PDB file of N, CA and C in Angstrom:
ATOM      1  N   MET A   1      13.108 -23.665  11.520  1.00  0.00           N
ATOM      2  CA  MET A   1      13.310 -22.224  11.485  1.00  0.00           C
ATOM      3  C   MET A   1      12.155 -21.603  10.707  1.00  0.00           C
ATOM      4  N   ARG A   2      11.564 -20.558  11.261  1.00  0.00           N
ATOM      5  CA  ARG A   2      10.462 -19.882  10.588  1.00  0.00           C
ATOM      6  C   ARG A   2      10.807 -18.404  10.469  1.00  0.00           C
ATOM      7  N   ALA A   3      10.359 -17.819   9.390  1.00  0.00           N
ATOM      8  CA  ALA A   3      10.565 -16.381   9.198  1.00  0.00           C
ATOM      9  C   ALA A   3       9.497 -15.626   9.982  1.00  0.00           C
ATOM     10  N   GLU A   4       9.862 -14.521  10.544  1.00  0.00           N
ATOM     11  CA  GLU A   4       8.928 -13.688  11.291  1.00  0.00           C
ATOM     12  C   GLU A   4       8.424 -12.570  10.386  1.00  0.00           C
ATOM     13  N   ASN A   5       7.123 -12.377  10.343  1.00  0.00           N
ATOM     14  CA  ASN A   5       6.542 -11.348   9.504  1.00  0.00           C
ATOM     15  C   ASN A   5       5.252 -10.866  10.146  1.00  0.00           C
ATOM     16  N   ARG A   6       5.382  -9.952  11.080  1.00  0.00           N
ATOM     17  CA  ARG A   6       4.222  -9.370  11.762  1.00  0.00           C
ATOM     18  C   ARG A   6       3.315 -10.437  12.356  1.00  0.00           C
ATOM     19  N   ASN A   7       3.899 -11.441  13.006  1.00  0.00           N
ATOM     20  CA  ASN A   7       3.170 -12.516  13.682  1.00  0.00           C
ATOM     21  C   ASN A   7       2.273 -13.312  12.757  1.00  0.00           C
ATOM     22  N   SER A   8       2.541 -13.339  11.471  1.00  0.00           N
ATOM     23  CA  SER A   8       1.771 -14.132  10.526  1.00  0.00           C
ATOM     24  C   SER A   8       2.541 -15.397  10.183  1.00  0.00           C
ATOM     25  N   THR A   9       1.817 -16.391   9.731  1.00  0.00           N
ATOM     26  CA  THR A   9       2.442 -17.648   9.368  1.00  0.00           C
ATOM     27  C   THR A   9       3.079 -17.530   7.996  1.00  0.00           C
ATOM     28  N   VAL A  10       4.361 -17.831   7.911  1.00  0.00           N
ATOM     29  CA  VAL A  10       5.099 -17.814   6.662  1.00  0.00           C
ATOM     30  C   VAL A  10       5.695 -19.194   6.487  1.00  0.00           C
ATOM     31  N   GLU A  11       5.758 -19.658   5.248  1.00  0.00           N
ATOM     32  CA  GLU A  11       6.336 -20.965   4.985  1.00  0.00           C
ATOM     33  C   GLU A  11       7.747 -21.044   5.544  1.00  0.00           C
ATOM     34  N   PRO A  12       8.197 -22.228   5.944  1.00  0.00           N
ATOM     35  CA  PRO A  12       9.564 -22.368   6.425  1.00  0.00           C
ATOM     36  C   PRO A  12      10.558 -21.871   5.386  1.00  0.00           C
ATOM     37  N   VAL A  13      11.637 -21.269   5.839  1.00  0.00           N
ATOM     38  CA  VAL A  13      12.607 -20.661   4.942  1.00  0.00           C
ATOM     39  C   VAL A  13      13.370 -21.702   4.142  1.00  0.00           C
ATOM     40  N   ASN A  14      14.029 -22.649   4.791  1.00  0.00           N
ATOM     41  CA  ASN A  14      14.771 -23.722   4.108  1.00  0.00           C
ATOM     42  C   ASN A  14      15.652 -23.212   2.978  1.00  0.00           C
ATOM     43  N   ASP A  15      16.215 -22.039   3.118  1.00  0.00           N
ATOM     44  CA  ASP A  15      17.121 -21.468   2.120  1.00  0.00           C
ATOM     45  C   ASP A  15      16.480 -21.247   0.750  1.00  0.00           C
ATOM     46  N   LEU A  16      15.165 -21.210   0.672  1.00  0.00           N
ATOM     47  CA  LEU A  16      14.493 -20.932  -0.601  1.00  0.00           C
ATOM     48  C   LEU A  16      14.480 -19.425  -0.828  1.00  0.00           C
ATOM     49  N   PRO A  17      14.633 -19.006  -2.080  1.00  0.00           N
ATOM     50  CA  PRO A  17      14.670 -17.564  -2.356  1.00  0.00           C
ATOM     51  C   PRO A  17      13.314 -16.867  -2.241  1.00  0.00           C
ATOM     52  N   VAL A  18      12.194 -17.602  -2.356  1.00  0.00           N
ATOM     53  CA  VAL A  18      10.862 -16.986  -2.334  1.00  0.00           C
ATOM     54  C   VAL A  18      10.013 -17.638  -1.249  1.00  0.00           C
ATOM     55  N   ARG A  19       9.370 -16.796  -0.447  1.00  0.00           N
ATOM     56  CA  ARG A  19       8.450 -17.291   0.584  1.00  0.00           C
ATOM     57  C   ARG A  19       7.073 -16.673   0.343  1.00  0.00           C
ATOM     58  N   ILE A  20       6.033 -17.461   0.577  1.00  0.00           N
ATOM     59  CA  ILE A  20       4.660 -16.989   0.414  1.00  0.00           C
ATOM     60  C   ILE A  20       3.981 -17.016   1.779  1.00  0.00           C
ATOM     61  N   ASN A  21       3.443 -15.887   2.200  1.00  0.00           N
ATOM     62  CA  ASN A  21       2.708 -15.806   3.447  1.00  0.00           C
ATOM     63  C   ASN A  21       1.261 -16.225   3.151  1.00  0.00           C
ATOM     64  N   HIS A  22       0.888 -17.419   3.572  1.00  0.00           N
ATOM     65  CA  HIS A  22      -0.446 -17.953   3.276  1.00  0.00           C
ATOM     66  C   HIS A  22      -1.560 -17.175   3.972  1.00  0.00           C
ATOM     67  N   ASP A  23      -1.236 -16.505   5.086  1.00  0.00           N
ATOM     68  CA  ASP A  23      -2.256 -15.712   5.779  1.00  0.00           C
ATOM     69  C   ASP A  23      -2.655 -14.475   4.973  1.00  0.00           C
ATOM     70  N   TRP A  24      -1.734 -13.971   4.171  1.00  0.00           N
ATOM     71  CA  TRP A  24      -2.013 -12.757   3.400  1.00  0.00           C
ATOM     72  C   TRP A  24      -2.364 -13.045   1.948  1.00  0.00           C
ATOM     73  N   CYS A  25      -1.964 -14.196   1.429  1.00  0.00           N
ATOM     74  CA  CYS A  25      -2.163 -14.523   0.014  1.00  0.00           C
ATOM     75  C   CYS A  25      -3.634 -14.796  -0.280  1.00  0.00           C
ATOM     76  N   LYS A  26      -4.156 -14.173  -1.359  1.00  0.00           N
ATOM     77  CA  LYS A  26      -5.545 -14.431  -1.765  1.00  0.00           C
ATOM     78  C   LYS A  26      -5.601 -15.309  -3.008  1.00  0.00           C
ATOM     79  N   LYS A  27      -4.444 -15.903  -3.380  1.00  0.00           N
ATOM     80  CA  LYS A  27      -4.348 -16.863  -4.483  1.00  0.00           C
ATOM     81  C   LYS A  27      -4.730 -16.258  -5.839  1.00  0.00           C
ATOM     82  N   CYS A  28      -4.374 -15.010  -6.062  1.00  0.00           N
ATOM     83  CA  CYS A  28      -4.759 -14.328  -7.300  1.00  0.00           C
ATOM     84  C   CYS A  28      -3.879 -14.719  -8.490  1.00  0.00           C
ATOM     85  N   GLY A  29      -2.642 -15.164  -8.214  1.00  0.00           N
ATOM     86  CA  GLY A  29      -1.752 -15.598  -9.283  1.00  0.00           C
ATOM     87  C   GLY A  29      -0.960 -14.488  -9.955  1.00  0.00           C
ATOM     88  N   ILE A  30      -1.042 -13.275  -9.433  1.00  0.00           N
ATOM     89  CA  ILE A  30      -0.291 -12.169 -10.036  1.00  0.00           C
ATOM     90  C   ILE A  30       1.203 -12.447  -9.981  1.00  0.00           C
ATOM     91  N   CYS A  31       1.677 -12.986  -8.869  1.00  0.00           N
ATOM     92  CA  CYS A  31       3.110 -13.289  -8.738  1.00  0.00           C
ATOM     93  C   CYS A  31       3.549 -14.311  -9.790  1.00  0.00           C
ATOM     94  N   ILE A  32       2.705 -15.274 -10.058  1.00  0.00           N
ATOM     95  CA  ILE A  32       3.003 -16.303 -11.061  1.00  0.00           C
ATOM     96  C   ILE A  32       3.040 -15.677 -12.453  1.00  0.00           C
ATOM     97  N   ALA A  33       2.067 -14.831 -12.742  1.00  0.00           N
ATOM     98  CA  ALA A  33       1.965 -14.219 -14.066  1.00  0.00           C
ATOM     99  C   ALA A  33       3.145 -13.305 -14.390  1.00  0.00           C
ATOM    100  N   PHE A  34       3.677 -12.616 -13.372  1.00  0.00           N
ATOM    101  CA  PHE A  34       4.748 -11.657 -13.618  1.00  0.00           C
ATOM    102  C   PHE A  34       6.151 -12.232 -13.485  1.00  0.00           C
ATOM    103  N   CYS A  35       6.279 -13.487 -13.098  1.00  0.00           N
ATOM    104  CA  CYS A  35       7.606 -14.078 -12.950  1.00  0.00           C
ATOM    105  C   CYS A  35       8.242 -14.274 -14.326  1.00  0.00           C
ATOM    106  N   PRO A  36       9.361 -13.575 -14.609  1.00  0.00           N
ATOM    107  CA  PRO A  36       9.963 -13.673 -15.941  1.00  0.00           C
ATOM    108  C   PRO A  36      10.588 -15.035 -16.232  1.00  0.00           C
ATOM    109  N   ARG A  37      10.922 -15.786 -15.193  1.00  0.00           N
ATOM    110  CA  ARG A  37      11.540 -17.099 -15.380  1.00  0.00           C
ATOM    111  C   ARG A  37      10.539 -18.242 -15.217  1.00  0.00           C
ATOM    112  N   GLN A  38       9.292 -17.918 -14.884  1.00  0.00           N
ATOM    113  CA  GLN A  38       8.223 -18.904 -14.702  1.00  0.00           C
ATOM    114  C   GLN A  38       8.611 -19.988 -13.696  1.00  0.00           C
ATOM    115  N   VAL A  39       9.171 -19.565 -12.558  1.00  0.00           N
ATOM    116  CA  VAL A  39       9.574 -20.512 -11.522  1.00  0.00           C
ATOM    117  C   VAL A  39       8.527 -20.642 -10.419  1.00  0.00           C
ATOM    118  N   LEU A  40       7.424 -19.908 -10.547  1.00  0.00           N
ATOM    119  CA  LEU A  40       6.305 -20.016  -9.606  1.00  0.00           C
ATOM    120  C   LEU A  40       5.131 -20.687 -10.305  1.00  0.00           C
ATOM    121  N   ALA A  41       4.373 -21.473  -9.533  1.00  0.00           N
ATOM    122  CA  ALA A  41       3.175 -22.135 -10.071  1.00  0.00           C
ATOM    123  C   ALA A  41       2.211 -22.367  -8.914  1.00  0.00           C
ATOM    124  N   PHE A  42       0.945 -22.615  -9.234  1.00  0.00           N
ATOM    125  CA  PHE A  42      -0.021 -22.944  -8.187  1.00  0.00           C
ATOM    126  C   PHE A  42       0.311 -24.321  -7.650  1.00  0.00           C
ATOM    127  N   GLY A  43       0.303 -24.445  -6.318  1.00  0.00           N
ATOM    128  CA  GLY A  43       0.642 -25.712  -5.678  1.00  0.00           C
ATOM    129  C   GLY A  43      -0.455 -26.144  -4.723  1.00  0.00           C
ATOM    130  N   ALA A  44      -0.054 -26.738  -3.621  1.00  0.00           N
ATOM    131  CA  ALA A  44      -0.981 -27.258  -2.616  1.00  0.00           C
ATOM    132  C   ALA A  44      -1.911 -26.153  -2.126  1.00  0.00           C
ATOM    133  N   GLY A  45      -3.188 -26.458  -2.079  1.00  0.00           N
ATOM    134  CA  GLY A  45      -4.174 -25.484  -1.628  1.00  0.00           C
ATOM    135  C   GLY A  45      -4.346 -24.315  -2.560  1.00  0.00           C
ATOM    136  N   ASP A  46      -3.873 -24.441  -3.786  1.00  0.00           N
ATOM    137  CA  ASP A  46      -3.926 -23.383  -4.793  1.00  0.00           C
ATOM    138  C   ASP A  46      -3.134 -22.140  -4.403  1.00  0.00           C
ATOM    139  N   TYR A  47      -2.156 -22.301  -3.508  1.00  0.00           N
ATOM    140  CA  TYR A  47      -1.250 -21.209  -3.189  1.00  0.00           C
ATOM    141  C   TYR A  47      -0.088 -21.237  -4.175  1.00  0.00           C
ATOM    142  N   PRO A  48       0.469 -20.095  -4.503  1.00  0.00           N
ATOM    143  CA  PRO A  48       1.666 -20.079  -5.349  1.00  0.00           C
ATOM    144  C   PRO A  48       2.813 -20.751  -4.605  1.00  0.00           C
ATOM    145  N   GLU A  49       3.654 -21.428  -5.346  1.00  0.00           N
ATOM    146  CA  GLU A  49       4.844 -22.011  -4.738  1.00  0.00           C
ATOM    147  C   GLU A  49       5.998 -21.975  -5.725  1.00  0.00           C
ATOM    148  N   LEU A  50       7.182 -22.019  -5.191  1.00  0.00           N
ATOM    149  CA  LEU A  50       8.395 -22.005  -5.996  1.00  0.00           C
ATOM    150  C   LEU A  50       8.627 -23.421  -6.508  1.00  0.00           C
ATOM    151  N   VAL A  51       8.640 -23.593  -7.832  1.00  0.00           N
ATOM    152  CA  VAL A  51       8.813 -24.926  -8.414  1.00  0.00           C
ATOM    153  C   VAL A  51      10.213 -25.127  -8.986  1.00  0.00           C
ATOM    154  N   ASP A  52      10.997 -24.065  -9.087  1.00  0.00           N
ATOM    155  CA  ASP A  52      12.358 -24.175  -9.613  1.00  0.00           C
ATOM    156  C   ASP A  52      13.245 -23.160  -8.900  1.00  0.00           C
ATOM    157  N   ALA A  53      13.728 -23.538  -7.705  1.00  0.00           N
ATOM    158  CA  ALA A  53      14.520 -22.612  -6.888  1.00  0.00           C
ATOM    159  C   ALA A  53      15.801 -22.190  -7.598  1.00  0.00           C
ATOM    160  N   GLU A  54      16.433 -23.086  -8.320  1.00  0.00           N
ATOM    161  CA  GLU A  54      17.681 -22.748  -9.009  1.00  0.00           C
ATOM    162  C   GLU A  54      17.446 -21.800 -10.180  1.00  0.00           C
ATOM    163  N   GLY A  55      16.247 -21.822 -10.755  1.00  0.00           N
ATOM    164  CA  GLY A  55      15.933 -20.939 -11.871  1.00  0.00           C
ATOM    165  C   GLY A  55      15.564 -19.531 -11.447  1.00  0.00           C
ATOM    166  N   CYS A  56      15.293 -19.354 -10.163  1.00  0.00           N
ATOM    167  CA  CYS A  56      14.909 -18.037  -9.649  1.00  0.00           C
ATOM    168  C   CYS A  56      16.120 -17.114  -9.624  1.00  0.00           C
ATOM    169  N   THR A  57      15.973 -15.939 -10.232  1.00  0.00           N
ATOM    170  CA  THR A  57      17.062 -14.954 -10.266  1.00  0.00           C
ATOM    171  C   THR A  57      16.950 -13.936  -9.139  1.00  0.00           C
ATOM    172  N   ARG A  58      15.920 -14.061  -8.319  1.00  0.00           N
ATOM    173  CA  ARG A  58      15.659 -13.132  -7.209  1.00  0.00           C
ATOM    174  C   ARG A  58      15.465 -11.702  -7.706  1.00  0.00           C
ATOM    175  N   CYS A  59      14.804 -11.567  -8.834  1.00  0.00           N
ATOM    176  CA  CYS A  59      14.564 -10.233  -9.400  1.00  0.00           C
ATOM    177  C   CYS A  59      13.537  -9.448  -8.581  1.00  0.00           C
ATOM    178  N   LYS A  60      12.779 -10.132  -7.750  1.00  0.00           N
ATOM    179  CA  LYS A  60      11.763  -9.550  -6.867  1.00  0.00           C
ATOM    180  C   LYS A  60      10.526  -9.033  -7.600  1.00  0.00           C
ATOM    181  N   MET A  61      10.346  -9.426  -8.841  1.00  0.00           N
ATOM    182  CA  MET A  61       9.158  -8.986  -9.575  1.00  0.00           C
ATOM    183  C   MET A  61       7.893  -9.500  -8.876  1.00  0.00           C
ATOM    184  N   CYS A  62       7.921 -10.742  -8.424  1.00  0.00           N
ATOM    185  CA  CYS A  62       6.754 -11.310  -7.739  1.00  0.00           C
ATOM    186  C   CYS A  62       6.440 -10.531  -6.464  1.00  0.00           C
ATOM    187  N   GLU A  63       7.485 -10.187  -5.717  1.00  0.00           N
ATOM    188  CA  GLU A  63       7.312  -9.429  -4.481  1.00  0.00           C
ATOM    189  C   GLU A  63       6.757  -8.034  -4.761  1.00  0.00           C
ATOM    190  N   LEU A  64       7.281  -7.385  -5.783  1.00  0.00           N
ATOM    191  CA  LEU A  64       6.856  -6.029  -6.118  1.00  0.00           C
ATOM    192  C   LEU A  64       5.424  -5.971  -6.644  1.00  0.00           C
ATOM    193  N   MET A  65       5.002  -7.006  -7.355  1.00  0.00           N
ATOM    194  CA  MET A  65       3.677  -6.987  -7.971  1.00  0.00           C
ATOM    195  C   MET A  65       2.565  -7.500  -7.054  1.00  0.00           C
ATOM    196  N   CYS A  66       2.909  -8.203  -5.993  1.00  0.00           N
ATOM    197  CA  CYS A  66       1.884  -8.758  -5.101  1.00  0.00           C
ATOM    198  C   CYS A  66       1.110  -7.636  -4.411  1.00  0.00           C
ATOM    199  N   PRO A  67      -0.211  -7.568  -4.637  1.00  0.00           N
ATOM    200  CA  PRO A  67      -0.998  -6.483  -4.043  1.00  0.00           C
ATOM    201  C   PRO A  67      -1.202  -6.640  -2.541  1.00  0.00           C
ATOM    202  N   ASP A  68      -0.927  -7.833  -2.019  1.00  0.00           N
ATOM    203  CA  ASP A  68      -1.170  -8.099  -0.598  1.00  0.00           C
ATOM    204  C   ASP A  68       0.108  -8.245   0.220  1.00  0.00           C
ATOM    205  N   PHE A  69       1.258  -7.977  -0.383  1.00  0.00           N
ATOM    206  CA  PHE A  69       2.556  -8.072   0.298  1.00  0.00           C
ATOM    207  C   PHE A  69       2.780  -9.463   0.887  1.00  0.00           C
ATOM    208  N   ALA A  70       2.268 -10.484   0.211  1.00  0.00           N
ATOM    209  CA  ALA A  70       2.365 -11.860   0.695  1.00  0.00           C
ATOM    210  C   ALA A  70       3.622 -12.570   0.220  1.00  0.00           C
ATOM    211  N   VAL A  71       4.355 -11.960  -0.698  1.00  0.00           N
ATOM    212  CA  VAL A  71       5.547 -12.595  -1.265  1.00  0.00           C
ATOM    213  C   VAL A  71       6.783 -11.878  -0.742  1.00  0.00           C
ATOM    214  N   VAL A  72       7.745 -12.668  -0.274  1.00  0.00           N
ATOM    215  CA  VAL A  72       9.015 -12.125   0.204  1.00  0.00           C
ATOM    216  C   VAL A  72      10.127 -12.855  -0.526  1.00  0.00           C
ATOM    217  N   VAL A  73      11.003 -12.090  -1.164  1.00  0.00           N
ATOM    218  CA  VAL A  73      12.153 -12.664  -1.862  1.00  0.00           C
ATOM    219  C   VAL A  73      13.395 -12.367  -1.030  1.00  0.00           C
ATOM    220  N   ALA A  74      14.133 -13.416  -0.693  1.00  0.00           N
ATOM    221  CA  ALA A  74      15.342 -13.269   0.109  1.00  0.00           C
ATOM    222  C   ALA A  74      16.457 -12.644  -0.715  1.00  0.00           C
ATOM    223  N   ASP A  75      17.297 -11.898  -0.053  1.00  0.00           N
ATOM    224  CA  ASP A  75      18.465 -11.326  -0.724  1.00  0.00           C
ATOM    225  C   ASP A  75      19.420 -12.446  -1.114  1.00  0.00           C
ATOM    226  N   ARG A  76      20.235 -12.171  -2.096  1.00  0.00           N
ATOM    227  CA  ARG A  76      21.244 -13.151  -2.510  1.00  0.00           C
ATOM    228  C   ARG A  76      22.236 -13.365  -1.376  1.00  0.00           C
ATOM    229  N   PRO A  77      22.680 -14.616  -1.175  1.00  0.00           N
ATOM    230  CA  PRO A  77      23.687 -14.848  -0.144  1.00  0.00           C
ATOM    231  C   PRO A  77      24.996 -14.153  -0.502  1.00  0.00           C
ATOM    232  N   ALA A  78      25.685 -13.696   0.504  1.00  0.00           N
ATOM    233  CA  ALA A  78      26.968 -13.011   0.276  1.00  0.00           C
ATOM    234  C   ALA A  78      27.987 -14.005  -0.263  1.00  0.00           C
ATOM    235  N   LYS A  79      28.792 -13.536  -1.209  1.00  0.00           N
ATOM    236  CA  LYS A  79      29.839 -14.390  -1.763  1.00  0.00           C
ATOM    237  C   LYS A  79      30.990 -14.448  -0.772  1.00  0.00           C
ATOM    238  N   LYS A  80      31.556 -15.641  -0.643  1.00  0.00           N
ATOM    239  CA  LYS A  80      32.711 -15.813   0.224  1.00  0.00           C
ATOM    240  C   LYS A  80      33.975 -15.576  -0.592  1.00  0.00           C
ATOM    241  N   ASP A  81      34.781 -14.659  -0.131  1.00  0.00           N
ATOM    242  CA  ASP A  81      36.046 -14.379  -0.813  1.00  0.00           C
ATOM    243  C   ASP A  81      37.076 -15.409  -0.403  1.00  0.00           C
ATOM    244  N   LYS A  82      37.890 -15.772  -1.356  1.00  0.00           N
ATOM    245  CA  LYS A  82      38.986 -16.674  -1.059  1.00  0.00           C
ATOM    246  C   LYS A  82      40.073 -15.882  -0.348  1.00  0.00           C
ATOM    247  N   VAL A  83      40.540 -16.433   0.732  1.00  0.00           N
ATOM    248  CA  VAL A  83      41.604 -15.786   1.485  1.00  0.00           C
ATOM    249  C   VAL A  83      42.905 -16.483   1.122  1.00  0.00           C
ATOM    250  N   GLU A  84      43.818 -15.710   0.591  1.00  0.00           N
ATOM    251  CA  GLU A  84      45.102 -16.270   0.199  1.00  0.00           C
ATOM    252  C   GLU A  84      46.079 -16.091   1.332  1.00  0.00           C
ATOM    253  N   GLU A  85      46.787 -17.179   1.619  1.00  0.00           N
ATOM    254  CA  GLU A  85      47.798 -17.104   2.659  1.00  0.00           C
ATOM    255  C   GLU A  85      49.056 -16.484   2.088  1.00  0.00           C
ATOM    256  N   VAL A  86      49.651 -15.625   2.863  1.00  0.00           N
ATOM    257  CA  VAL A  86      50.892 -14.984   2.442  1.00  0.00           C
ATOM    258  C   VAL A  86      52.023 -15.718   3.147  1.00  0.00           C
ATOM    259  N   SER A  87      52.938 -16.244   2.361  1.00  0.00           N
ATOM    260  CA  SER A  87      54.062 -16.972   2.951  1.00  0.00           C
ATOM    261  C   SER A  87      55.147 -15.990   3.361  1.00  0.00           C
ATOM    262  N   GLY A  88      55.854 -16.319   4.422  1.00  0.00           N
ATOM    263  CA  GLY A  88      56.898 -15.426   4.930  1.00  0.00           C
ATOM    264  C   GLY A  88      58.242 -15.708   4.292  1.00  0.00           C
ATOM    265  N   GLN A  89      58.370 -15.579   2.995  1.00  0.00           N
ATOM    266  CA  GLN A  89      59.638 -15.856   2.302  1.00  0.00           C
ATOM    267  C   GLN A  89      60.505 -14.641   2.236  1.00  0.00           C
TER     268      GLN A  89
END
């Protein structure tokens, strides 16, 4: 499964909260510098990558600060409500 973003190549989603569009990223590191939880780091090819998916709070600071719109933060998954069965007593 791949995310669609104006016909550009985006990393596979794989349920990760942060995606980096390598076609748009200039490897400046602004997203890494502004991450309050420090869950982004330079990875393969010197592109930013998510190194701690569970530590990401999805605050979108990386997405907001990226000057090239190369970072996309997924929305939080919807919580599933427990459905209680009503007995016919």
